[in-house]
Amino acid sequence: MRAYVGLTDDDHFAPEIAELKHRYGNLTNVFRSASPDDVPKQKKRIRGVCGRIVELRKVIDAHDPQSTTADQIIDELFPVD
C-alpha cells in the first residue's frame, strides 16, 4: 500500500508520510484513518497523499475479503494493457 501511494513522486512522498505517521501514530493508523479533511488546506501535498490513501481504501473496501485476493486488487489498480 505504501509503495502504491508513493508512485507518483520522485521521493515517494517520504516527508509527507513521515508527518502523517507522526499525526496518526504509525503507518497502519495512517492507512486506516487518514483524511484530507484532517490536514490544513495549506498542506496540499499531504492532503493529496491522504486523498490517494482514501481512494485506495475505497478500492479495497469495495471487495469482499472472503472472495477477493490481493492479486485481483493489484490487477484492478494496475490493469494490463
Protein backbone atom coordinates (compact mmCIF):
# COMPACT_ATOMS: atom_id res chain seq x y z
CA MET A 1 0.00 0.00 0.00
CA ARG A 2 2.81 2.38 0.89
CA ALA A 3 4.50 1.78 -2.45
CA TYR A 4 1.27 2.49 -4.36
CA VAL A 5 0.78 5.82 -2.59
CA GLY A 6 4.33 6.93 -3.42
CA LEU A 7 4.33 6.01 -7.09
CA THR A 8 3.70 9.48 -8.46
CA ASP A 9 6.51 11.30 -6.63
CA ASP A 10 10.30 11.19 -7.02
CA ASP A 11 10.74 10.98 -3.23
CA HIS A 12 7.69 8.71 -2.81
CA PHE A 13 6.12 11.35 -0.54
CA ALA A 14 8.51 10.32 2.25
CA PRO A 15 8.31 13.63 4.20
CA GLU A 16 4.53 13.67 3.87
CA ILE A 17 4.19 10.06 5.03
CA ALA A 18 6.50 10.82 7.97
CA GLU A 19 4.29 13.72 9.00
CA LEU A 20 1.18 11.56 8.69
CA LYS A 21 2.82 8.85 10.80
CA HIS A 22 3.54 11.47 13.44
CA ARG A 23 -0.07 12.71 13.27
CA TYR A 24 -1.72 9.26 13.36
CA GLY A 25 0.85 7.30 15.37
CA ASN A 26 2.01 4.69 12.85
CA LEU A 27 1.64 3.63 9.24
CA THR A 28 -1.21 1.22 9.99
CA ASN A 29 -3.23 4.05 11.51
CA VAL A 30 -2.36 6.31 8.58
CA PHE A 31 -3.87 3.82 6.13
CA ARG A 32 -6.82 3.18 8.41
CA SER A 33 -7.72 6.80 9.24
CA ALA A 34 -6.01 9.40 7.04
CA SER A 35 -8.32 12.01 5.57
CA PRO A 36 -7.61 15.23 3.66
CA ASP A 37 -10.12 16.92 5.96
CA ASP A 38 -7.75 16.36 8.91
CA VAL A 39 -4.98 18.41 7.27
CA PRO A 40 -4.87 22.21 6.80
CA LYS A 41 -5.57 23.33 3.23
CA GLN A 42 -2.12 24.93 3.02
CA LYS A 43 -0.50 21.46 3.14
CA LYS A 44 -1.55 20.44 -0.35
CA ARG A 45 0.94 17.62 -0.77
CA ILE A 46 -0.13 15.96 2.47
CA ARG A 47 -3.79 16.42 1.56
CA GLY A 48 -3.03 14.81 -1.80
CA VAL A 49 -1.41 11.81 -0.13
CA CYS A 50 -4.43 11.49 2.16
CA GLY A 51 -6.71 11.61 -0.87
CA ARG A 52 -4.75 8.83 -2.55
CA ILE A 53 -4.98 6.77 0.64
CA VAL A 54 -8.74 7.32 0.78
CA GLU A 55 -9.05 6.21 -2.86
CA LEU A 56 -7.02 3.08 -2.14
CA ARG A 57 -9.18 2.30 0.90
CA LYS A 58 -12.31 2.61 -1.26
CA VAL A 59 -10.92 0.15 -3.83
CA ILE A 60 -10.00 -2.34 -1.13
CA ASP A 61 -13.26 -1.89 0.78
CA ALA A 62 -15.28 -2.50 -2.40
CA HIS A 63 -14.09 -6.10 -2.42
CA ASP A 64 -15.27 -8.96 -0.28
CA PRO A 65 -12.23 -10.11 1.74
CA GLN A 66 -13.57 -13.67 1.71
CA SER A 67 -13.64 -13.95 -2.08
CA THR A 68 -11.05 -11.44 -3.34
CA THR A 69 -7.32 -11.98 -3.46
CA ALA A 70 -4.63 -9.35 -3.25
CA ASP A 71 -3.70 -10.24 -6.84
CA GLN A 72 -7.19 -9.28 -8.02
CA ILE A 73 -6.95 -5.90 -6.33
CA ILE A 74 -3.47 -5.33 -7.76
CA ASP A 75 -4.77 -6.20 -11.22
CA GLU A 76 -7.54 -3.64 -10.77
CA LEU A 77 -5.07 -0.95 -9.66
CA PHE A 78 -2.57 -1.80 -12.43
CA PRO A 79 -4.53 -3.14 -15.40
CA VAL A 80 -2.62 -4.94 -18.12
CA ASP A 81 -2.94 -3.12 -21.43
